[in-house]
Amino acid sequence: MPRPVFLSLDGLDGTGKSTQCRLLVEWLTSQKIPVTQCNDPGGTALGQELRKLLLFGREHRIATTTEALLFMASRAQLVEEVIRPALARGEVVVSDRFLLANVVYQGHAGGLSADELWKIGAFATGGLEPDLTLVFDLPPDIAVARRNREADRMEERGNAYFTRVSTGFRYEAGMRAAKCRLIDATPDADAVQKVVRREVSQLLSNQGWNVQE
């Protein structure tokens, strides 16, 4: 019997992360693998309200600590309502971002303690963490240029901030090499997706899933 698997995809906005999530879910579905996709923040009724506040609540001045805790609250609800039930059903879960984003955006880039954020995150999720996190890596200036929509509240921050975000992602991926893969997001979406499928196929095969790349 295949074992449930929890995957997260992360990286700077503009790296194609959400596109890769969609392509990955479409591919898993074509393989007849039961899959649940979710967004962090978001994914639940409460999470969607928090997402709107965090990404578009420009009328509020949100302190960095408050921001981090609001992300944690949305994630706690997502784990309770969506992720754990899907894993209990034996499914593969694909999450667009997870705790790593908090550690990098509010920790490495925002000045909070990364170690403390990992600890708070473990409390918020009941210790649940992805089996594999794919981190899409792209120079910040290219990532910003690739965004094809109006910037949200997080994306309005300056180049120095995004440089710290990019550095933070690479640092954390290196520190957690057993469960993180840094993926070059420079090529086109199809080429990146091939790398994604190779990484995911290896993990799923090890967990008992029948996968054809």
N, C-alpha and C. Protein backbone atom coordinates (compact mmCIF):
# COMPACT_ATOMS: atom_id res chain seq x y z
N MET A 1 0.84 -1.19 0.00
CA MET A 1 0.00 0.00 0.00
C MET A 1 0.88 1.25 0.00
N PRO A 2 0.73 2.14 -0.98
CA PRO A 2 1.55 3.36 -0.99
C PRO A 2 1.30 4.20 0.25
N ARG A 3 2.34 4.90 0.68
CA ARG A 3 2.23 5.76 1.84
C ARG A 3 1.89 7.19 1.41
N PRO A 4 1.12 7.92 2.21
CA PRO A 4 0.82 9.31 1.88
C PRO A 4 2.08 10.15 1.84
N VAL A 5 2.07 11.17 1.02
CA VAL A 5 3.25 12.01 0.82
C VAL A 5 2.82 13.48 0.85
N PHE A 6 3.61 14.29 1.52
CA PHE A 6 3.35 15.72 1.63
C PHE A 6 4.47 16.48 0.93
N LEU A 7 4.12 17.23 -0.11
CA LEU A 7 5.07 18.02 -0.89
C LEU A 7 4.76 19.50 -0.74
N SER A 8 5.79 20.33 -0.66
CA SER A 8 5.58 21.78 -0.73
C SER A 8 6.52 22.36 -1.77
N LEU A 9 6.05 23.44 -2.41
CA LEU A 9 6.84 24.16 -3.39
C LEU A 9 6.98 25.59 -2.91
N ASP A 10 8.20 26.12 -2.98
CA ASP A 10 8.44 27.44 -2.41
C ASP A 10 9.46 28.20 -3.23
N GLY A 11 9.68 29.45 -2.86
CA GLY A 11 10.63 30.31 -3.56
C GLY A 11 10.07 31.71 -3.72
N LEU A 12 10.87 32.58 -4.25
CA LEU A 12 10.45 33.95 -4.51
C LEU A 12 9.23 33.99 -5.43
N ASP A 13 8.36 34.97 -5.23
CA ASP A 13 7.31 35.21 -6.20
C ASP A 13 7.95 35.59 -7.52
N GLY A 14 7.45 35.01 -8.61
CA GLY A 14 8.03 35.26 -9.92
C GLY A 14 8.92 34.15 -10.40
N THR A 15 9.15 33.14 -9.55
CA THR A 15 9.98 32.00 -9.96
C THR A 15 9.19 30.94 -10.72
N GLY A 16 7.86 31.11 -10.81
CA GLY A 16 7.03 30.12 -11.47
C GLY A 16 6.53 29.03 -10.55
N LYS A 17 6.65 29.27 -9.25
CA LYS A 17 6.26 28.28 -8.24
C LYS A 17 4.81 27.82 -8.40
N SER A 18 3.88 28.75 -8.54
CA SER A 18 2.47 28.37 -8.64
C SER A 18 2.17 27.63 -9.94
N THR A 19 2.83 28.04 -11.02
CA THR A 19 2.69 27.31 -12.29
C THR A 19 3.20 25.88 -12.13
N GLN A 20 4.31 25.72 -11.45
CA GLN A 20 4.87 24.37 -11.24
C GLN A 20 3.95 23.52 -10.36
N CYS A 21 3.30 24.16 -9.37
CA CYS A 21 2.31 23.44 -8.56
C CYS A 21 1.19 22.90 -9.45
N ARG A 22 0.66 23.77 -10.30
CA ARG A 22 -0.44 23.37 -11.18
C ARG A 22 -0.02 22.24 -12.12
N LEU A 23 1.15 22.37 -12.74
CA LEU A 23 1.62 21.34 -13.65
C LEU A 23 1.87 20.02 -12.93
N LEU A 24 2.41 20.10 -11.72
CA LEU A 24 2.67 18.89 -10.94
C LEU A 24 1.37 18.18 -10.59
N VAL A 25 0.37 18.93 -10.15
CA VAL A 25 -0.92 18.33 -9.79
C VAL A 25 -1.58 17.71 -11.02
N GLU A 26 -1.50 18.40 -12.16
CA GLU A 26 -2.07 17.83 -13.39
C GLU A 26 -1.38 16.52 -13.76
N TRP A 27 -0.07 16.48 -13.60
CA TRP A 27 0.68 15.27 -13.92
C TRP A 27 0.34 14.13 -12.96
N LEU A 28 0.28 14.43 -11.66
CA LEU A 28 -0.08 13.40 -10.69
C LEU A 28 -1.48 12.86 -10.96
N THR A 29 -2.41 13.75 -11.29
CA THR A 29 -3.78 13.32 -11.60
C THR A 29 -3.80 12.41 -12.82
N SER A 30 -2.98 12.74 -13.82
CA SER A 30 -2.91 11.90 -15.02
C SER A 30 -2.34 10.52 -14.72
N GLN A 31 -1.58 10.41 -13.62
CA GLN A 31 -1.02 9.14 -13.18
C GLN A 31 -1.99 8.36 -12.29
N LYS A 32 -3.22 8.89 -12.14
CA LYS A 32 -4.24 8.27 -11.29
C LYS A 32 -3.82 8.25 -9.82
N ILE A 33 -3.01 9.23 -9.43
CA ILE A 33 -2.59 9.36 -8.04
C ILE A 33 -3.53 10.34 -7.35
N PRO A 34 -4.16 9.95 -6.25
CA PRO A 34 -5.06 10.88 -5.55
C PRO A 34 -4.27 12.03 -4.95
N VAL A 35 -4.63 13.25 -5.30
CA VAL A 35 -3.84 14.41 -4.89
C VAL A 35 -4.74 15.52 -4.39
N THR A 36 -4.30 16.19 -3.35
CA THR A 36 -4.96 17.39 -2.83
C THR A 36 -3.99 18.54 -2.96
N GLN A 37 -4.45 19.64 -3.60
CA GLN A 37 -3.64 20.84 -3.74
C GLN A 37 -4.15 21.91 -2.79
N CYS A 38 -3.23 22.68 -2.21
CA CYS A 38 -3.64 23.76 -1.32
C CYS A 38 -2.65 24.91 -1.39
N ASN A 39 -3.09 26.06 -0.90
CA ASN A 39 -2.26 27.26 -0.86
C ASN A 39 -2.03 27.68 0.59
N ASP A 40 -0.81 28.14 0.87
CA ASP A 40 -0.46 28.62 2.20
C ASP A 40 0.17 30.00 2.05
N PRO A 41 -0.50 31.08 2.51
CA PRO A 41 -1.72 31.09 3.32
C PRO A 41 -2.95 30.88 2.45
N GLY A 42 -4.02 30.45 3.10
CA GLY A 42 -5.28 30.21 2.41
C GLY A 42 -5.72 28.77 2.57
N GLY A 43 -6.54 28.30 1.64
CA GLY A 43 -6.92 26.90 1.61
C GLY A 43 -8.12 26.54 2.48
N THR A 44 -8.52 27.45 3.37
CA THR A 44 -9.71 27.26 4.20
C THR A 44 -10.46 28.60 4.23
N ALA A 45 -11.69 28.59 4.74
CA ALA A 45 -12.45 29.84 4.82
C ALA A 45 -11.72 30.86 5.69
N LEU A 46 -11.24 30.41 6.85
CA LEU A 46 -10.48 31.31 7.73
C LEU A 46 -9.17 31.72 7.07
N GLY A 47 -8.50 30.76 6.46
CA GLY A 47 -7.22 31.05 5.81
C GLY A 47 -7.35 32.07 4.70
N GLN A 48 -8.46 32.02 3.95
CA GLN A 48 -8.66 32.98 2.87
C GLN A 48 -8.81 34.39 3.42
N GLU A 49 -9.49 34.53 4.56
CA GLU A 49 -9.61 35.85 5.18
C GLU A 49 -8.25 36.37 5.63
N LEU A 50 -7.46 35.49 6.23
CA LEU A 50 -6.13 35.89 6.66
C LEU A 50 -5.24 36.20 5.47
N ARG A 51 -5.39 35.44 4.39
CA ARG A 51 -4.61 35.69 3.18
C ARG A 51 -4.90 37.08 2.62
N LYS A 52 -6.18 37.45 2.57
CA LYS A 52 -6.55 38.77 2.07
C LYS A 52 -5.93 39.87 2.93
N LEU A 53 -5.97 39.67 4.24
CA LEU A 53 -5.40 40.65 5.16
C LEU A 53 -3.88 40.76 4.97
N LEU A 54 -3.22 39.61 4.87
CA LEU A 54 -1.76 39.59 4.78
C LEU A 54 -1.25 40.14 3.44
N LEU A 55 -1.92 39.80 2.36
CA LEU A 55 -1.41 40.17 1.04
C LEU A 55 -1.97 41.49 0.52
N PHE A 56 -3.16 41.88 1.00
CA PHE A 56 -3.79 43.06 0.42
C PHE A 56 -4.28 44.07 1.46
N GLY A 57 -3.99 43.81 2.74
CA GLY A 57 -4.48 44.69 3.80
C GLY A 57 -3.60 45.91 3.99
N ARG A 58 -3.53 46.74 2.97
CA ARG A 58 -2.63 47.90 3.01
C ARG A 58 -3.10 48.98 3.98
N GLU A 59 -4.37 48.87 4.41
CA GLU A 59 -4.86 49.87 5.35
C GLU A 59 -4.32 49.63 6.76
N HIS A 60 -3.68 48.49 6.97
CA HIS A 60 -3.13 48.16 8.28
C HIS A 60 -1.60 48.22 8.24
N ARG A 61 -1.02 48.68 9.32
CA ARG A 61 0.42 48.53 9.50
C ARG A 61 0.64 47.27 10.32
N ILE A 62 1.08 46.22 9.68
CA ILE A 62 1.21 44.93 10.34
C ILE A 62 2.66 44.72 10.76
N ALA A 63 2.90 44.61 12.05
CA ALA A 63 4.25 44.36 12.56
C ALA A 63 4.74 43.01 12.06
N THR A 64 6.05 42.87 11.93
CA THR A 64 6.61 41.64 11.39
C THR A 64 6.23 40.42 12.23
N THR A 65 6.26 40.57 13.55
CA THR A 65 5.88 39.45 14.42
C THR A 65 4.41 39.10 14.22
N THR A 66 3.56 40.11 14.12
CA THR A 66 2.14 39.88 13.88
C THR A 66 1.95 39.17 12.54
N GLU A 67 2.66 39.64 11.55
CA GLU A 67 2.60 39.04 10.21
C GLU A 67 2.95 37.56 10.27
N ALA A 68 4.04 37.24 10.95
CA ALA A 68 4.47 35.85 11.06
C ALA A 68 3.41 35.00 11.75
N LEU A 69 2.81 35.52 12.81
CA LEU A 69 1.81 34.76 13.56
C LEU A 69 0.51 34.59 12.78
N LEU A 70 0.16 35.57 11.96
CA LEU A 70 -1.03 35.42 11.12
C LEU A 70 -0.81 34.33 10.07
N PHE A 71 0.38 34.29 9.49
CA PHE A 71 0.71 33.19 8.58
C PHE A 71 0.62 31.85 9.31
N MET A 72 1.15 31.80 10.53
CA MET A 72 1.11 30.56 11.31
C MET A 72 -0.33 30.13 11.59
N ALA A 73 -1.20 31.10 11.90
CA ALA A 73 -2.60 30.78 12.19
C ALA A 73 -3.29 30.19 10.97
N SER A 74 -3.06 30.81 9.81
CA SER A 74 -3.64 30.27 8.58
C SER A 74 -3.15 28.85 8.33
N ARG A 75 -1.87 28.62 8.56
CA ARG A 75 -1.28 27.30 8.33
C ARG A 75 -1.84 26.26 9.31
N ALA A 76 -2.01 26.65 10.56
CA ALA A 76 -2.57 25.72 11.54
C ALA A 76 -3.95 25.25 11.11
N GLN A 77 -4.77 26.18 10.61
CA GLN A 77 -6.11 25.82 10.14
C GLN A 77 -6.03 24.94 8.90
N LEU A 78 -5.10 25.25 8.00
CA LEU A 78 -4.93 24.45 6.79
C LEU A 78 -4.53 23.01 7.12
N VAL A 79 -3.62 22.87 8.07
CA VAL A 79 -3.21 21.52 8.48
C VAL A 79 -4.38 20.76 9.07
N GLU A 80 -5.15 21.43 9.93
CA GLU A 80 -6.28 20.78 10.60
C GLU A 80 -7.39 20.40 9.63
N GLU A 81 -7.74 21.31 8.72
CA GLU A 81 -8.90 21.11 7.85
C GLU A 81 -8.60 20.34 6.58
N VAL A 82 -7.39 20.53 6.04
CA VAL A 82 -7.12 20.02 4.69
C VAL A 82 -6.00 18.99 4.64
N ILE A 83 -4.82 19.36 5.18
CA ILE A 83 -3.64 18.52 4.94
C ILE A 83 -3.70 17.21 5.70
N ARG A 84 -3.93 17.26 7.01
CA ARG A 84 -3.97 15.99 7.77
C ARG A 84 -5.09 15.06 7.29
N PRO A 85 -6.31 15.56 7.02
CA PRO A 85 -7.35 14.67 6.50
C PRO A 85 -6.95 14.02 5.16
N ALA A 86 -6.31 14.79 4.27
CA ALA A 86 -5.88 14.22 2.98
C ALA A 86 -4.82 13.16 3.18
N LEU A 87 -3.88 13.41 4.07
CA LEU A 87 -2.85 12.40 4.36
C LEU A 87 -3.47 11.16 5.00
N ALA A 88 -4.47 11.37 5.86
CA ALA A 88 -5.16 10.24 6.49
C ALA A 88 -5.89 9.38 5.46
N ARG A 89 -6.31 10.01 4.35
CA ARG A 89 -6.96 9.26 3.26
C ARG A 89 -5.94 8.57 2.37
N GLY A 90 -4.65 8.78 2.64
CA GLY A 90 -3.62 8.13 1.85
C GLY A 90 -3.24 8.87 0.59
N GLU A 91 -3.50 10.18 0.54
CA GLU A 91 -3.28 10.95 -0.67
C GLU A 91 -1.90 11.60 -0.69
N VAL A 92 -1.58 12.18 -1.84
CA VAL A 92 -0.42 13.05 -1.98
C VAL A 92 -0.91 14.48 -1.86
N VAL A 93 -0.28 15.27 -1.01
CA VAL A 93 -0.65 16.68 -0.81
C VAL A 93 0.42 17.55 -1.44
N VAL A 94 -0.02 18.53 -2.24
CA VAL A 94 0.90 19.50 -2.85
C VAL A 94 0.50 20.88 -2.35
N SER A 95 1.38 21.51 -1.58
CA SER A 95 1.09 22.82 -1.01
C SER A 95 1.95 23.90 -1.65
N ASP A 96 1.30 24.97 -2.12
CA ASP A 96 1.99 26.13 -2.64
C ASP A 96 2.42 26.96 -1.43
N ARG A 97 3.65 26.77 -1.01
CA ARG A 97 4.29 27.32 0.19
C ARG A 97 3.89 26.53 1.44
N PHE A 98 4.79 26.63 2.44
CA PHE A 98 4.52 26.09 3.77
C PHE A 98 5.43 26.84 4.74
N LEU A 99 5.78 26.23 5.84
CA LEU A 99 6.48 26.92 6.92
C LEU A 99 7.79 27.58 6.48
N LEU A 100 8.50 26.98 5.55
CA LEU A 100 9.78 27.54 5.10
C LEU A 100 9.62 29.00 4.68
N ALA A 101 8.50 29.34 4.06
CA ALA A 101 8.29 30.72 3.62
C ALA A 101 8.30 31.70 4.79
N ASN A 102 7.66 31.31 5.90
CA ASN A 102 7.68 32.14 7.11
C ASN A 102 9.11 32.36 7.60
N VAL A 103 9.85 31.28 7.66
CA VAL A 103 11.23 31.34 8.17
C VAL A 103 12.07 32.29 7.33
N VAL A 104 11.85 32.26 6.02
CA VAL A 104 12.66 33.08 5.12
C VAL A 104 12.16 34.53 5.06
N TYR A 105 10.87 34.73 4.83
CA TYR A 105 10.36 36.09 4.65
C TYR A 105 10.38 36.91 5.95
N GLN A 106 9.90 36.32 7.04
CA GLN A 106 9.88 37.08 8.29
C GLN A 106 11.15 36.89 9.11
N GLY A 107 11.86 35.78 8.85
CA GLY A 107 13.09 35.51 9.56
C GLY A 107 14.30 36.11 8.87
N HIS A 108 14.80 35.44 7.85
CA HIS A 108 16.01 35.90 7.15
C HIS A 108 15.85 37.31 6.58
N ALA A 109 14.70 37.61 6.00
CA ALA A 109 14.51 38.92 5.37
C ALA A 109 13.90 39.94 6.31
N GLY A 110 13.09 39.49 7.28
CA GLY A 110 12.37 40.42 8.13
C GLY A 110 13.00 40.70 9.47
N GLY A 111 14.04 39.96 9.82
CA GLY A 111 14.77 40.26 11.05
C GLY A 111 14.38 39.45 12.27
N LEU A 112 13.38 38.56 12.14
CA LEU A 112 13.03 37.70 13.27
C LEU A 112 13.97 36.49 13.32
N SER A 113 13.96 35.79 14.42
CA SER A 113 14.84 34.62 14.58
C SER A 113 14.30 33.44 13.78
N ALA A 114 15.10 32.95 12.84
CA ALA A 114 14.69 31.79 12.05
C ALA A 114 14.46 30.58 12.95
N ASP A 115 15.32 30.39 13.93
CA ASP A 115 15.18 29.24 14.83
C ASP A 115 13.86 29.31 15.60
N GLU A 116 13.51 30.50 16.09
CA GLU A 116 12.26 30.64 16.81
C GLU A 116 11.05 30.40 15.90
N LEU A 117 11.14 30.84 14.66
CA LEU A 117 10.05 30.62 13.72
C LEU A 117 9.87 29.14 13.42
N TRP A 118 10.97 28.40 13.31
CA TRP A 118 10.85 26.95 13.12
C TRP A 118 10.13 26.32 14.31
N LYS A 119 10.45 26.78 15.52
CA LYS A 119 9.83 26.22 16.73
C LYS A 119 8.34 26.57 16.79
N ILE A 120 8.01 27.84 16.52
CA ILE A 120 6.60 28.25 16.54
C ILE A 120 5.83 27.50 15.45
N GLY A 121 6.48 27.33 14.31
CA GLY A 121 5.85 26.60 13.21
C GLY A 121 5.57 25.16 13.56
N ALA A 122 6.48 24.53 14.27
CA ALA A 122 6.27 23.15 14.69
C ALA A 122 5.07 23.05 15.62
N PHE A 123 4.90 24.04 16.48
CA PHE A 123 3.72 24.07 17.36
C PHE A 123 2.45 24.26 16.54
N ALA A 124 2.47 25.20 15.60
CA ALA A 124 1.29 25.51 14.80
C ALA A 124 0.83 24.33 13.95
N THR A 125 1.77 23.53 13.49
CA THR A 125 1.43 22.41 12.59
C THR A 125 1.36 21.08 13.32
N GLY A 126 1.57 21.09 14.63
CA GLY A 126 1.61 19.83 15.36
C GLY A 126 2.77 18.95 14.93
N GLY A 127 3.85 19.60 14.48
CA GLY A 127 5.05 18.88 14.08
C GLY A 127 5.02 18.37 12.65
N LEU A 128 3.96 18.65 11.91
CA LEU A 128 3.88 18.17 10.53
C LEU A 128 4.81 18.98 9.64
N GLU A 129 5.58 18.29 8.83
CA GLU A 129 6.45 18.96 7.87
C GLU A 129 6.43 18.20 6.56
N PRO A 130 6.71 18.87 5.45
CA PRO A 130 6.70 18.18 4.15
C PRO A 130 7.76 17.08 4.08
N ASP A 131 7.42 16.04 3.34
CA ASP A 131 8.42 15.01 3.05
C ASP A 131 9.48 15.54 2.11
N LEU A 132 9.08 16.48 1.26
CA LEU A 132 10.01 17.10 0.31
C LEU A 132 9.54 18.51 0.01
N THR A 133 10.48 19.46 0.05
CA THR A 133 10.21 20.84 -0.35
C THR A 133 11.08 21.18 -1.55
N LEU A 134 10.44 21.63 -2.62
CA LEU A 134 11.15 22.07 -3.81
C LEU A 134 11.24 23.60 -3.76
N VAL A 135 12.46 24.11 -3.76
CA VAL A 135 12.69 25.55 -3.66
C VAL A 135 13.18 26.05 -5.02
N PHE A 136 12.38 26.93 -5.63
CA PHE A 136 12.72 27.45 -6.95
C PHE A 136 13.60 28.69 -6.82
N ASP A 137 14.74 28.62 -7.47
CA ASP A 137 15.78 29.63 -7.30
C ASP A 137 15.93 30.47 -8.57
N LEU A 138 15.88 31.78 -8.39
CA LEU A 138 15.99 32.72 -9.50
C LEU A 138 16.52 34.03 -8.95
N PRO A 139 17.42 34.72 -9.66
CA PRO A 139 17.88 36.02 -9.18
C PRO A 139 16.68 36.95 -8.97
N PRO A 140 16.67 37.70 -7.87
CA PRO A 140 15.51 38.54 -7.54
C PRO A 140 15.07 39.47 -8.65
N ASP A 141 16.03 40.08 -9.38
CA ASP A 141 15.62 41.02 -10.43
C ASP A 141 14.87 40.32 -11.55
N ILE A 142 15.27 39.08 -11.86
CA ILE A 142 14.57 38.32 -12.90
C ILE A 142 13.19 37.90 -12.39
N ALA A 143 13.12 37.49 -11.12
CA ALA A 143 11.84 37.08 -10.54
C ALA A 143 10.84 38.24 -10.58
N VAL A 144 11.29 39.44 -10.21
CA VAL A 144 10.41 40.61 -10.22
C VAL A 144 9.95 40.90 -11.65
N ALA A 145 10.87 40.81 -12.60
CA ALA A 145 10.53 41.10 -14.00
C ALA A 145 9.52 40.10 -14.55
N ARG A 146 9.54 38.88 -14.04
CA ARG A 146 8.65 37.83 -14.55
C ARG A 146 7.23 37.93 -13.98
N ARG A 147 7.05 38.65 -12.90
CA ARG A 147 5.70 38.76 -12.33
C ARG A 147 4.79 39.44 -13.34
N ASN A 148 3.65 38.82 -13.62
CA ASN A 148 2.76 39.35 -14.65
C ASN A 148 1.45 39.87 -14.06
N ARG A 149 1.55 40.40 -12.84
CA ARG A 149 0.36 40.95 -12.19
C ARG A 149 0.81 42.05 -11.24
N GLU A 150 -0.17 42.76 -10.72
CA GLU A 150 0.14 43.82 -9.77
C GLU A 150 0.71 43.23 -8.49
N ALA A 151 1.71 43.90 -7.95
CA ALA A 151 2.38 43.40 -6.74
C ALA A 151 1.43 43.42 -5.54
N ASP A 152 1.49 42.36 -4.72
CA ASP A 152 0.73 42.37 -3.48
C ASP A 152 1.56 43.05 -2.39
N ARG A 153 1.03 43.04 -1.18
CA ARG A 153 1.67 43.76 -0.08
C ARG A 153 3.09 43.27 0.19
N MET A 154 3.29 41.95 0.11
CA MET A 154 4.61 41.38 0.36
C MET A 154 5.57 41.70 -0.79
N GLU A 155 5.01 41.75 -2.01
CA GLU A 155 5.86 41.92 -3.19
C GLU A 155 6.28 43.37 -3.41
N GLU A 156 5.72 44.31 -2.63
CA GLU A 156 6.04 45.72 -2.80
C GLU A 156 7.35 46.12 -2.11
N ARG A 157 7.93 45.20 -1.38
CA ARG A 157 9.15 45.51 -0.64
C ARG A 157 10.34 45.61 -1.61
N GLY A 158 11.37 46.31 -1.17
CA GLY A 158 12.46 46.67 -2.08
C GLY A 158 13.41 45.55 -2.43
N ASN A 159 14.37 45.89 -3.30
CA ASN A 159 15.32 44.91 -3.82
C ASN A 159 16.16 44.28 -2.71
N ALA A 160 16.54 45.08 -1.72
CA ALA A 160 17.37 44.56 -0.63
C ALA A 160 16.62 43.46 0.12
N TYR A 161 15.32 43.67 0.31
CA TYR A 161 14.50 42.67 1.00
C TYR A 161 14.48 41.37 0.21
N PHE A 162 14.24 41.47 -1.09
CA PHE A 162 14.14 40.25 -1.90
C PHE A 162 15.49 39.55 -2.05
N THR A 163 16.56 40.31 -1.99
CA THR A 163 17.88 39.67 -1.99
C THR A 163 18.06 38.83 -0.73
N ARG A 164 17.60 39.36 0.41
CA ARG A 164 17.68 38.59 1.65
C ARG A 164 16.77 37.35 1.59
N VAL A 165 15.60 37.51 0.97
CA VAL A 165 14.70 36.36 0.80
C VAL A 165 15.39 35.27 -0.01
N SER A 166 15.96 35.66 -1.15
CA SER A 166 16.63 34.70 -2.02
C SER A 166 17.78 34.00 -1.30
N THR A 167 18.57 34.77 -0.59
CA THR A 167 19.69 34.20 0.17
C THR A 167 19.17 33.26 1.25
N GLY A 168 18.07 33.65 1.91
CA GLY A 168 17.49 32.82 2.96
C GLY A 168 17.00 31.48 2.45
N PHE A 169 16.36 31.49 1.30
CA PHE A 169 15.90 30.23 0.71
C PHE A 169 17.07 29.31 0.40
N ARG A 170 18.11 29.86 -0.18
CA ARG A 170 19.27 29.02 -0.51
C ARG A 170 19.93 28.48 0.76
N TYR A 171 20.03 29.32 1.78
CA TYR A 171 20.64 28.88 3.04
C TYR A 171 19.83 27.75 3.67
N GLU A 172 18.52 27.94 3.80
CA GLU A 172 17.69 26.93 4.45
C GLU A 172 17.64 25.64 3.65
N ALA A 173 17.61 25.75 2.32
CA ALA A 173 17.63 24.54 1.48
C ALA A 173 18.92 23.77 1.70
N GLY A 174 20.02 24.49 1.82
CA GLY A 174 21.30 23.83 2.06
C GLY A 174 21.37 23.18 3.43
N MET A 175 20.76 23.81 4.43
CA MET A 175 20.78 23.27 5.79
C MET A 175 19.87 22.06 5.92
N ARG A 176 18.89 21.93 5.02
CA ARG A 176 17.92 20.84 5.09
C ARG A 176 17.95 20.02 3.81
N ALA A 177 19.15 19.69 3.39
CA ALA A 177 19.33 19.03 2.10
C ALA A 177 18.61 17.68 2.01
N ALA A 178 18.38 17.03 3.15
CA ALA A 178 17.70 15.73 3.12
C ALA A 178 16.26 15.85 2.66
N LYS A 179 15.65 17.01 2.93
CA LYS A 179 14.23 17.18 2.59
C LYS A 179 13.95 18.39 1.71
N CYS A 180 14.99 19.04 1.22
CA CYS A 180 14.83 20.19 0.34
C CYS A 180 15.66 20.00 -0.92
N ARG A 181 15.12 20.46 -2.04
CA ARG A 181 15.85 20.47 -3.29
C ARG A 181 15.79 21.88 -3.87
N LEU A 182 16.93 22.43 -4.18
CA LEU A 182 17.01 23.74 -4.81
C LEU A 182 16.96 23.53 -6.32
N ILE A 183 15.98 24.15 -6.97
CA ILE A 183 15.77 23.95 -8.40
C ILE A 183 15.98 25.25 -9.15
N ASP A 184 16.82 25.21 -10.17
CA ASP A 184 17.08 26.38 -11.00
C ASP A 184 15.82 26.69 -11.80
N ALA A 185 15.25 27.87 -11.55
CA ALA A 185 14.01 28.26 -12.22
C ALA A 185 14.25 29.11 -13.45
N THR A 186 15.50 29.19 -13.90
CA THR A 186 15.83 30.02 -15.07
C THR A 186 15.24 29.48 -16.37
N PRO A 187 15.27 28.15 -16.63
CA PRO A 187 14.72 27.64 -17.89
C PRO A 187 13.22 27.85 -17.99
N ASP A 188 12.65 27.47 -19.15
CA ASP A 188 11.20 27.62 -19.33
C ASP A 188 10.45 26.63 -18.44
N ALA A 189 9.14 26.84 -18.33
CA ALA A 189 8.31 26.08 -17.37
C ALA A 189 8.37 24.57 -17.64
N ASP A 190 8.38 24.17 -18.90
CA ASP A 190 8.40 22.74 -19.22
C ASP A 190 9.70 22.09 -18.78
N ALA A 191 10.80 22.79 -18.99
CA ALA A 191 12.09 22.24 -18.58
C ALA A 191 12.18 22.13 -17.06
N VAL A 192 11.68 23.13 -16.36
CA VAL A 192 11.68 23.08 -14.89
C VAL A 192 10.77 21.96 -14.41
N GLN A 193 9.63 21.78 -15.06
CA GLN A 193 8.70 20.73 -14.66
C GLN A 193 9.32 19.34 -14.79
N LYS A 194 10.18 19.15 -15.77
CA LYS A 194 10.86 17.86 -15.91
C LYS A 194 11.71 17.56 -14.69
N VAL A 195 12.38 18.59 -14.18
CA VAL A 195 13.20 18.42 -12.97
C VAL A 195 12.29 18.12 -11.78
N VAL A 196 11.18 18.85 -11.68
CA VAL A 196 10.22 18.63 -10.60
C VAL A 196 9.73 17.18 -10.62
N ARG A 197 9.34 16.70 -11.78
CA ARG A 197 8.81 15.34 -11.89
C ARG A 197 9.86 14.30 -11.53
N ARG A 198 11.10 14.56 -11.91
CA ARG A 198 12.16 13.62 -11.56
C ARG A 198 12.33 13.51 -10.05
N GLU A 199 12.35 14.66 -9.38
CA GLU A 199 12.50 14.66 -7.92
C GLU A 199 11.30 13.99 -7.24
N VAL A 200 10.10 14.34 -7.70
CA VAL A 200 8.89 13.81 -7.08
C VAL A 200 8.74 12.32 -7.38
N SER A 201 9.09 11.92 -8.59
CA SER A 201 8.99 10.50 -8.96
C SER A 201 9.85 9.63 -8.05
N GLN A 202 11.05 10.10 -7.78
CA GLN A 202 11.95 9.33 -6.92
C GLN A 202 11.36 9.14 -5.53
N LEU A 203 10.82 10.23 -4.97
CA LEU A 203 10.22 10.14 -3.64
C LEU A 203 9.00 9.23 -3.65
N LEU A 204 8.11 9.42 -4.61
CA LEU A 204 6.88 8.62 -4.65
C LEU A 204 7.20 7.14 -4.85
N SER A 205 8.14 6.85 -5.71
CA SER A 205 8.53 5.44 -5.91
C SER A 205 9.04 4.83 -4.62
N ASN A 206 9.82 5.61 -3.87
CA ASN A 206 10.33 5.11 -2.58
C ASN A 206 9.22 4.88 -1.57
N GLN A 207 8.09 5.58 -1.77
CA GLN A 207 6.95 5.43 -0.85
C GLN A 207 5.90 4.44 -1.37
N GLY A 208 6.24 3.73 -2.44
CA GLY A 208 5.36 2.66 -2.90
C GLY A 208 4.40 3.02 -4.02
N TRP A 209 4.53 4.24 -4.58
CA TRP A 209 3.63 4.64 -5.67
C TRP A 209 4.19 4.18 -7.01
N ASN A 210 3.29 3.83 -7.91
CA ASN A 210 3.67 3.46 -9.28
C ASN A 210 3.64 4.71 -10.13
N VAL A 211 4.81 5.20 -10.53
CA VAL A 211 4.91 6.47 -11.23
C VAL A 211 5.65 6.28 -12.55
N GLN A 212 5.12 6.89 -13.59
CA GLN A 212 5.78 6.91 -14.90
C GLN A 212 6.11 8.35 -15.21
N GLU A 213 7.41 8.67 -15.37
CA GLU A 213 7.82 10.06 -15.65
C GLU A 213 7.34 10.50 -17.03
